Amino acid sequence: MSTNFSMVAAHSRRPAGEDNIFAINNAAQQAAKVHGADKVVNASVGALLDDDGKLSILPSVIELLKSLPAVEYAAYAPIAGLPSFLEASKKAVFRDQMPEGYIEAIATPGGSGAIRHTIWNYSNGGDYILTPDWYWGPYKTIAEEHGRAIATYTLFDEKDQFNLQSFADKVEELLKKQDQLVILLNSPANNPTGYSLTNEEWEAVLNYLKKEASSPEKKITLFVDIAYIDFAGETNECRSFMKQFGGLPENILTIMAFSMSKGYTLYGMRCGAMICVSANKAVAEEFKAVNQFSNRGVWSNGTRPAMTVLAQIFESPQLLTQVEKERNTLQQMLSERAEVFLENARKANLKICPYKAGFFITIPCSNPEAVTKELQKDLIFAVPMGKGIRFAVCSVPKDQCAIVPEKLAQAIAKFE
């Protein structure tokens, strides 16, 4: 029998292989079994771990989940999501920064589901999806799964600020080729760099998009990935840019991706929502109808108990206060780890991408594969990317965050 024989349709034939991040995590876990967990730095995990390497959780959220009656686990949720959850998700996303406009929500399995629906429903086959050169790898996977491709602009300029010129040039280039453009913009606390656009940078981005939208045949969908927003700073301060999404032209649609994975430590429940802001009521109603249809056509229902949990949290001021208190403790732990890493990076003259908040710090370098393999000799496991190395401060204790920058600087110097 031929080893080249395939039953898979041509559009789905791809090289087999383990996900790179999970492969590195597996290697780190094997090393821990051999050398001891305290000797291994596992900076590959994209989840917040405590200093013992266990998943950090919000006790009040987990207790609420466990207290739900059996019917909440057994029953279907509506295709669009529980109405109480959809209202709660809007509150969770915007808090006191609700923009003016028509706002609708649809339940999705985490932020990934929102990305999928946005790419499928707001771009055409063969289109390019625009995102910065530092981006979460599954953007490319999801785009290619649906017959699209990724195009990138340079995220940082020479001052380590948002590169508006590169962004504008790429938007203009793509809109000459296609009438619909989906832009994936992951901020605040970008994965993998930890960068957050300032309010002034958001204003510049939106002013440029309004200029491009002056041609009514051009349709721009701005997808704002806020997966890490609950670890991006003070609740309303880090959301203050959202007010700017009100009053945009009707041919600019803003979609926010809400996820319960990080901010509510419910990674495995796969619960989230996509939320639109539009100046046009018909566009918002179309958003709800189209994405509800896609829910039925792809995964049908979402995870009901997680939806109920969020709804109950936002129905109880006392419970919400407790959740935020517990989350603030985790955010403080994360901030202390990042500060220690940054301080020691300065001492080691280690260049990093501009970090403001979030789970990851990224170190640019020209040979990330070789550098990460060199680091593994010291039992340091980080993730190589196209132009650098992603280090997950979210999963590494503070004392290890202190020693890694010098090791990184040494390994990079060896290959550059």
Protein backbone atom coordinates (compact mmCIF):
# COMPACT_ATOMS: atom_id res chain seq x y z
CA MET A 1 0.00 0.00 0.00
CA SER A 2 1.33 3.45 -0.92
CA THR A 3 2.34 5.64 2.03
CA ASN A 4 1.34 8.69 -0.05
CA PHE A 5 -2.28 7.55 -0.37
CA SER A 6 -4.72 9.98 1.25
CA MET A 7 -8.45 9.96 1.90
CA VAL A 8 -8.50 13.58 3.02
CA ALA A 9 -9.96 16.26 0.77
CA ALA A 10 -7.29 18.35 -0.97
CA HIS A 11 -8.04 21.49 1.03
CA SER A 12 -7.41 19.67 4.33
CA ARG A 13 -4.09 17.99 3.48
CA ARG A 14 -1.49 19.41 5.83
CA PRO A 15 1.74 18.16 7.41
CA ALA A 16 1.12 16.17 10.57
CA GLY A 17 2.85 17.27 13.74
CA GLU A 18 2.41 18.11 17.39
CA ASP A 19 1.61 21.69 18.37
CA ASN A 20 4.96 23.36 19.12
CA ILE A 21 3.94 24.86 22.45
CA PHE A 22 2.47 21.61 23.74
CA ALA A 23 5.58 19.73 22.57
CA ILE A 24 7.84 22.06 24.57
CA ASN A 25 5.58 21.78 27.60
CA ASN A 26 5.74 17.99 27.35
CA ALA A 27 9.55 18.17 27.16
CA ALA A 28 9.61 20.37 30.27
CA GLN A 29 7.40 17.94 32.16
CA GLN A 30 9.65 15.03 31.22
CA ALA A 31 12.70 16.99 32.39
CA ALA A 32 10.95 17.68 35.70
CA LYS A 33 10.47 13.94 36.24
CA VAL A 34 14.18 13.34 35.68
CA HIS A 35 15.74 16.37 37.40
CA GLY A 36 13.00 17.51 39.79
CA ALA A 37 10.38 20.20 39.22
CA ASP A 38 12.34 22.79 41.21
CA LYS A 39 15.25 22.52 38.74
CA VAL A 40 13.11 23.13 35.63
CA VAL A 41 11.88 26.49 34.32
CA ASN A 42 8.74 25.78 32.29
CA ALA A 43 7.97 29.05 30.51
CA SER A 44 5.81 27.47 27.82
CA VAL A 45 2.48 27.27 29.66
CA GLY A 46 -0.09 29.90 28.65
CA ALA A 47 -1.99 29.71 31.94
CA LEU A 48 -1.43 31.35 35.30
CA LEU A 49 0.27 28.89 37.65
CA ASP A 50 1.10 29.31 41.32
CA ASP A 51 4.66 28.98 42.63
CA ASP A 52 4.19 25.21 42.99
CA GLY A 53 3.31 24.85 39.32
CA LYS A 54 -0.38 24.26 39.94
CA LEU A 55 -3.13 26.05 38.03
CA SER A 56 -4.19 29.24 39.80
CA ILE A 57 -7.93 29.43 40.29
CA LEU A 58 -10.48 31.88 41.66
CA PRO A 59 -12.01 29.91 44.57
CA SER A 60 -15.31 31.81 44.52
CA VAL A 61 -15.80 31.03 40.83
CA ILE A 62 -15.05 27.34 41.26
CA GLU A 63 -17.28 27.07 44.34
CA LEU A 64 -20.13 28.73 42.47
CA LEU A 65 -19.67 26.33 39.57
CA LYS A 66 -19.69 23.32 41.92
CA SER A 67 -22.83 24.55 43.68
CA LEU A 68 -25.00 24.64 40.55
CA PRO A 69 -27.90 22.16 40.43
CA ALA A 70 -27.54 19.12 38.21
CA VAL A 71 -29.97 20.49 35.64
CA GLU A 72 -27.56 23.36 34.89
CA TYR A 73 -25.01 20.78 33.75
CA ALA A 74 -27.44 18.54 31.91
CA ALA A 75 -29.60 21.04 30.02
CA TYR A 76 -28.81 22.63 26.69
CA ALA A 77 -28.11 26.34 26.52
CA PRO A 78 -29.89 28.33 23.78
CA ILE A 79 -27.97 28.43 20.49
CA ALA A 80 -27.12 32.11 20.95
CA GLY A 81 -26.34 31.65 24.65
CA LEU A 82 -28.32 32.25 27.82
CA PRO A 83 -29.80 35.77 27.66
CA SER A 84 -28.57 36.46 31.20
CA PHE A 85 -25.06 35.40 30.16
CA LEU A 86 -25.10 37.63 27.10
CA GLU A 87 -26.01 40.64 29.24
CA ALA A 88 -23.36 39.69 31.80
CA SER A 89 -20.72 39.31 29.09
CA LYS A 90 -21.37 42.90 27.94
CA LYS A 91 -20.90 44.10 31.52
CA ALA A 92 -17.74 42.00 31.88
CA VAL A 93 -16.25 43.42 28.69
CA PHE A 94 -17.12 47.10 29.02
CA ARG A 95 -17.66 47.66 32.76
CA ASP A 96 -18.05 51.48 33.02
CA GLN A 97 -16.70 52.13 29.50
CA MET A 98 -19.72 51.18 27.38
CA PRO A 99 -19.50 52.89 23.96
CA GLU A 100 -22.49 54.49 22.26
CA GLY A 101 -24.09 52.38 19.57
CA TYR A 102 -25.97 49.16 18.98
CA ILE A 103 -24.42 46.32 20.95
CA GLU A 104 -25.21 42.63 20.49
CA ALA A 105 -23.60 39.45 21.83
CA ILE A 106 -23.41 35.79 20.85
CA ALA A 107 -21.95 32.99 22.98
CA THR A 108 -18.85 31.25 21.62
CA PRO A 109 -16.44 28.59 22.95
CA GLY A 110 -13.88 31.04 24.26
CA GLY A 111 -12.15 33.68 22.20
CA SER A 112 -11.23 31.11 19.56
CA GLY A 113 -14.86 30.70 18.56
CA ALA A 114 -15.22 34.45 18.17
CA ILE A 115 -12.14 34.55 15.94
CA ARG A 116 -13.53 31.73 13.80
CA HIS A 117 -16.92 33.35 13.26
CA THR A 118 -15.40 36.76 12.52
CA ILE A 119 -13.03 35.40 9.89
CA TRP A 120 -15.70 33.24 8.28
CA ASN A 121 -18.56 35.73 8.31
CA TYR A 122 -16.75 39.01 7.63
CA SER A 123 -14.18 38.08 4.99
CA ASN A 124 -14.33 36.27 1.66
CA GLY A 125 -12.56 33.11 0.57
CA GLY A 126 -8.95 33.88 -0.38
CA ASP A 127 -8.90 37.17 1.54
CA TYR A 128 -6.03 38.26 3.72
CA ILE A 129 -6.65 38.76 7.44
CA LEU A 130 -4.50 41.53 8.90
CA THR A 131 -2.64 41.23 12.20
CA PRO A 132 0.74 42.46 13.55
CA ASP A 133 3.97 40.56 13.03
CA TRP A 134 3.87 39.52 16.70
CA TYR A 135 0.67 37.47 16.95
CA TRP A 136 -0.90 34.39 18.54
CA GLY A 137 -0.09 31.44 16.26
CA PRO A 138 -3.66 30.02 16.06
CA TYR A 139 -4.76 33.16 14.19
CA LYS A 140 -2.94 31.66 11.21
CA THR A 141 -4.37 28.18 11.85
CA ILE A 142 -7.94 29.47 12.00
CA ALA A 143 -7.49 31.65 8.91
CA GLU A 144 -6.02 28.79 6.86
CA GLU A 145 -8.68 26.35 8.08
CA HIS A 146 -11.24 28.65 6.47
CA GLY A 147 -9.46 29.39 3.22
CA ARG A 148 -7.93 32.71 4.21
CA ALA A 149 -4.34 33.85 4.76
CA ILE A 150 -2.57 36.07 7.28
CA ALA A 151 -0.91 39.35 6.30
CA THR A 152 1.15 41.27 8.84
CA TYR A 153 2.41 44.77 9.55
CA THR A 154 5.31 45.74 11.82
CA LEU A 155 3.92 46.19 15.34
CA PHE A 156 6.65 48.40 16.78
CA ASP A 157 8.36 51.47 15.34
CA GLU A 158 11.91 52.62 16.14
CA LYS A 159 10.64 54.15 19.43
CA ASP A 160 9.04 50.86 20.53
CA GLN A 161 5.56 52.34 20.08
CA PHE A 162 2.68 51.20 17.88
CA ASN A 163 3.78 51.49 14.26
CA LEU A 164 0.86 53.41 12.79
CA GLN A 165 2.63 53.96 9.47
CA SER A 166 3.21 50.25 8.88
CA PHE A 167 -0.38 49.52 9.92
CA ALA A 168 -1.77 52.18 7.59
CA ASP A 169 0.37 51.06 4.66
CA LYS A 170 -0.82 47.46 5.01
CA VAL A 171 -4.50 48.42 5.39
CA GLU A 172 -4.27 50.55 2.26
CA GLU A 173 -2.51 47.78 0.34
CA LEU A 174 -5.09 45.15 1.26
CA LEU A 175 -8.12 47.35 0.60
CA LYS A 176 -6.85 47.86 -2.94
CA LYS A 177 -7.10 44.08 -3.41
CA GLN A 178 -10.25 43.24 -1.44
CA ASP A 179 -13.43 45.04 -0.45
CA GLN A 180 -13.73 43.44 2.99
CA LEU A 181 -10.96 43.48 5.56
CA VAL A 182 -10.83 41.75 8.94
CA ILE A 183 -8.22 43.19 11.32
CA LEU A 184 -7.21 41.13 14.37
CA LEU A 185 -5.81 43.45 17.03
CA ASN A 186 -4.83 41.82 20.33
CA SER A 187 -4.67 44.56 22.99
CA PRO A 188 -4.35 45.18 25.89
CA ALA A 189 -1.68 42.73 27.10
CA ASN A 190 -0.86 41.39 23.66
CA ASN A 191 0.09 37.75 23.28
CA PRO A 192 3.07 37.31 22.93
CA THR A 193 4.62 40.71 23.74
CA GLY A 194 2.56 42.11 26.61
CA TYR A 195 2.09 45.39 24.72
CA SER A 196 -1.03 47.55 25.12
CA LEU A 197 -1.99 50.37 22.79
CA THR A 198 -2.41 53.74 24.49
CA ASN A 199 -5.67 55.66 24.12
CA GLU A 200 -3.84 58.00 21.74
CA GLU A 201 -2.68 55.08 19.62
CA TRP A 202 -6.23 53.72 19.50
CA GLU A 203 -7.46 57.14 18.41
CA ALA A 204 -4.88 57.21 15.60
CA VAL A 205 -5.85 53.69 14.46
CA LEU A 206 -9.56 54.55 14.37
CA ASN A 207 -9.00 57.89 12.64
CA TYR A 208 -7.09 56.11 9.91
CA LEU A 209 -9.77 53.44 9.53
CA LYS A 210 -12.44 56.15 9.26
CA LYS A 211 -10.43 57.66 6.44
CA GLU A 212 -10.32 54.32 4.61
CA ALA A 213 -14.04 53.80 5.28
CA SER A 214 -14.88 56.97 3.35
CA SER A 215 -15.28 54.64 0.35
CA PRO A 216 -18.68 53.03 1.11
CA GLU A 217 -17.88 49.88 -0.87
CA LYS A 218 -15.06 49.08 1.59
CA LYS A 219 -16.09 47.19 4.73
CA ILE A 220 -13.74 46.98 7.70
CA THR A 221 -14.21 44.62 10.67
CA LEU A 222 -11.99 45.48 13.62
CA PHE A 223 -11.72 42.42 15.86
CA VAL A 224 -10.36 43.38 19.29
CA ASP A 225 -8.95 40.37 21.13
CA ILE A 226 -9.11 41.22 24.84
CA ALA A 227 -8.36 37.74 26.20
CA TYR A 228 -5.96 39.10 28.84
CA ILE A 229 -7.78 42.30 29.78
CA ASP A 230 -8.53 41.22 33.35
CA PHE A 231 -4.76 41.11 33.96
CA ALA A 232 -3.99 44.35 32.11
CA GLY A 233 -4.38 46.88 34.92
CA GLU A 234 -7.11 48.73 36.81
CA THR A 235 -10.55 47.58 35.65
CA ASN A 236 -11.85 50.75 34.00
CA GLU A 237 -8.53 52.36 33.18
CA CYS A 238 -7.45 49.49 30.94
CA ARG A 239 -10.87 49.61 29.23
CA SER A 240 -10.99 53.38 28.69
CA PHE A 241 -10.15 53.03 24.98
CA MET A 242 -13.47 51.24 24.39
CA LYS A 243 -15.49 54.46 24.44
CA GLN A 244 -13.86 55.28 21.11
CA PHE A 245 -15.78 52.48 19.38
CA GLY A 246 -18.96 54.53 19.52
CA GLY A 247 -20.04 56.63 16.55
CA LEU A 248 -17.87 54.95 13.92
CA PRO A 249 -19.04 54.82 10.27
CA GLU A 250 -21.54 52.04 9.57
CA ASN A 251 -19.01 50.25 7.35
CA ILE A 252 -16.66 49.81 10.32
CA LEU A 253 -17.82 47.02 12.62
CA THR A 254 -16.08 46.48 15.94
CA ILE A 255 -16.16 42.98 17.45
CA MET A 256 -14.82 42.27 20.93
CA ALA A 257 -13.80 38.75 21.98
CA PHE A 258 -14.71 37.88 25.56
CA SER A 259 -13.31 34.75 27.21
CA MET A 260 -13.83 33.23 30.66
CA SER A 261 -10.56 31.29 30.43
CA LYS A 262 -8.08 33.70 32.02
CA GLY A 263 -10.14 36.25 33.93
CA TYR A 264 -12.36 33.63 35.55
CA THR A 265 -9.86 30.70 35.55
CA LEU A 266 -12.29 28.50 33.60
CA TYR A 267 -9.94 27.48 30.76
CA GLY A 268 -11.46 24.05 30.31
CA MET A 269 -15.09 25.18 30.24
CA ARG A 270 -14.54 26.85 26.84
CA CYS A 271 -16.96 29.70 27.37
CA GLY A 272 -16.91 33.17 25.88
CA ALA A 273 -18.74 35.58 23.64
CA MET A 274 -18.32 37.83 20.64
CA ILE A 275 -19.77 41.29 21.13
CA CYS A 276 -20.32 43.84 18.39
CA VAL A 277 -20.55 47.62 18.45
CA SER A 278 -22.13 49.33 15.43
CA ALA A 279 -23.64 52.70 14.60
CA ASN A 280 -26.18 50.89 12.43
CA LYS A 281 -28.98 48.92 14.11
CA ALA A 282 -29.44 46.67 11.08
CA VAL A 283 -25.74 45.73 11.12
CA ALA A 284 -25.96 44.76 14.79
CA GLU A 285 -29.10 42.69 14.21
CA GLU A 286 -27.45 41.04 11.22
CA PHE A 287 -24.45 40.24 13.45
CA LYS A 288 -26.70 38.42 15.89
CA ALA A 289 -28.56 36.47 13.22
CA VAL A 290 -25.50 35.48 11.18
CA ASN A 291 -23.38 34.35 14.12
CA GLN A 292 -26.23 32.47 15.75
CA PHE A 293 -26.63 30.59 12.47
CA SER A 294 -22.90 29.83 12.53
CA ASN A 295 -23.18 28.55 16.09
CA ARG A 296 -25.74 26.00 14.93
CA GLY A 297 -23.64 25.08 11.91
CA VAL A 298 -20.37 24.52 13.78
CA TRP A 299 -20.77 23.62 17.47
CA SER A 300 -24.47 24.17 18.15
CA ASN A 301 -24.65 24.98 21.89
CA GLY A 302 -22.17 26.48 24.32
CA THR A 303 -21.34 25.39 27.86
CA ARG A 304 -24.37 26.22 30.00
CA PRO A 305 -22.91 25.98 33.55
CA ALA A 306 -20.13 28.45 32.76
CA MET A 307 -22.72 30.85 31.31
CA THR A 308 -24.78 30.54 34.49
CA VAL A 309 -21.72 31.27 36.61
CA LEU A 310 -20.99 34.56 34.83
CA ALA A 311 -24.63 35.60 34.97
CA GLN A 312 -24.80 34.99 38.71
CA ILE A 313 -21.53 36.82 39.36
CA PHE A 314 -22.83 39.98 37.68
CA GLU A 315 -26.22 39.68 39.39
CA SER A 316 -24.54 39.80 42.83
CA PRO A 317 -22.40 42.88 43.70
CA GLN A 318 -21.03 41.02 46.72
CA LEU A 319 -19.95 38.03 44.63
CA LEU A 320 -18.44 40.26 41.95
CA THR A 321 -16.42 42.08 44.62
CA GLN A 322 -15.12 38.76 45.94
CA VAL A 323 -14.15 37.54 42.46
CA GLU A 324 -12.27 40.77 41.81
CA LYS A 325 -10.51 40.58 45.17
CA GLU A 326 -9.26 37.08 44.37
CA ARG A 327 -8.27 38.10 40.86
CA ASN A 328 -6.34 41.10 42.18
CA THR A 329 -4.24 38.73 44.28
CA LEU A 330 -3.35 36.76 41.16
CA GLN A 331 -2.68 39.94 39.20
CA GLN A 332 -0.29 41.12 41.91
CA MET A 333 1.58 37.81 41.70
CA LEU A 334 1.83 38.17 37.92
CA SER A 335 2.97 41.79 38.13
CA GLU A 336 5.70 40.96 40.63
CA ARG A 337 7.04 38.20 38.38
CA ALA A 338 7.09 40.53 35.38
CA GLU A 339 8.80 43.31 37.34
CA VAL A 340 11.54 40.94 38.51
CA PHE A 341 12.07 39.67 34.96
CA LEU A 342 12.23 43.21 33.54
CA GLU A 343 14.62 44.40 36.24
CA ASN A 344 17.02 41.54 35.59
CA ALA A 345 16.67 41.95 31.83
CA ARG A 346 17.93 45.52 32.23
CA LYS A 347 20.87 44.29 34.29
CA ALA A 348 21.73 41.70 31.63
CA ASN A 349 21.27 44.21 28.75
CA LEU A 350 18.65 41.86 27.36
CA LYS A 351 16.48 43.47 24.69
CA ILE A 352 12.77 42.70 25.06
CA CYS A 353 9.65 43.81 23.24
CA PRO A 354 7.89 46.66 25.09
CA TYR A 355 5.87 45.02 27.86
CA LYS A 356 3.02 46.68 29.74
CA ALA A 357 0.98 43.81 31.15
CA GLY A 358 -0.12 40.24 30.60
CA PHE A 359 1.02 36.65 30.64
CA PHE A 360 4.02 36.83 28.28
CA ILE A 361 7.26 38.68 27.66
CA THR A 362 8.95 38.32 24.28
CA ILE A 363 12.64 38.56 23.52
CA PRO A 364 13.49 39.34 19.89
CA CYS A 365 16.40 37.41 18.39
CA SER A 366 17.55 36.19 15.00
CA ASN A 367 17.85 32.47 15.79
CA PRO A 368 15.07 31.54 18.24
CA GLU A 369 15.14 27.79 17.54
CA ALA A 370 18.85 27.51 18.33
CA VAL A 371 18.56 29.74 21.39
CA THR A 372 15.68 27.79 22.90
CA LYS A 373 17.55 24.52 22.38
CA GLU A 374 20.56 26.04 24.11
CA LEU A 375 18.36 27.15 27.02
CA GLN A 376 17.05 23.61 27.41
CA LYS A 377 20.59 22.55 28.38
CA ASP A 378 20.00 24.70 31.49
CA LEU A 379 16.50 23.18 31.86
CA ILE A 380 14.82 26.39 30.70
CA PHE A 381 11.89 25.74 28.36
CA ALA A 382 10.56 28.72 26.39
CA VAL A 383 8.74 28.97 23.06
CA PRO A 384 10.54 29.92 19.82
CA MET A 385 8.56 32.16 17.48
CA GLY A 386 9.29 33.58 14.07
CA LYS A 387 11.37 36.51 15.30
CA GLY A 388 12.02 35.78 18.94
CA ILE A 389 11.28 33.81 22.08
CA ARG A 390 8.10 33.90 24.17
CA PHE A 391 8.63 33.61 27.91
CA ALA A 392 5.50 32.91 29.98
CA VAL A 393 5.92 34.89 33.21
CA CYS A 394 2.44 33.63 34.07
CA SER A 395 3.77 30.15 34.75
CA VAL A 396 7.21 30.84 36.25
CA PRO A 397 7.85 31.63 39.95
CA LYS A 398 9.44 34.97 40.82
CA ASP A 399 12.80 33.50 41.88
CA GLN A 400 13.16 31.77 38.51
CA CYS A 401 12.11 34.95 36.66
CA ALA A 402 15.12 36.59 38.33
CA ILE A 403 17.73 34.17 36.98
CA VAL A 404 16.46 33.56 33.43
CA PRO A 405 17.27 36.94 31.75
CA GLU A 406 21.03 36.50 32.15
CA LYS A 407 20.81 32.95 30.79
CA LEU A 408 18.79 34.25 27.84
CA ALA A 409 21.33 36.99 27.13
CA GLN A 410 24.16 34.46 27.17
CA ALA A 411 22.35 32.04 24.88
CA ILE A 412 21.44 34.78 22.37
CA ALA A 413 25.04 36.09 22.35
CA LYS A 414 26.25 32.60 21.46
CA PHE A 415 24.32 32.64 18.16
CA GLU A 416 24.51 36.30 17.16
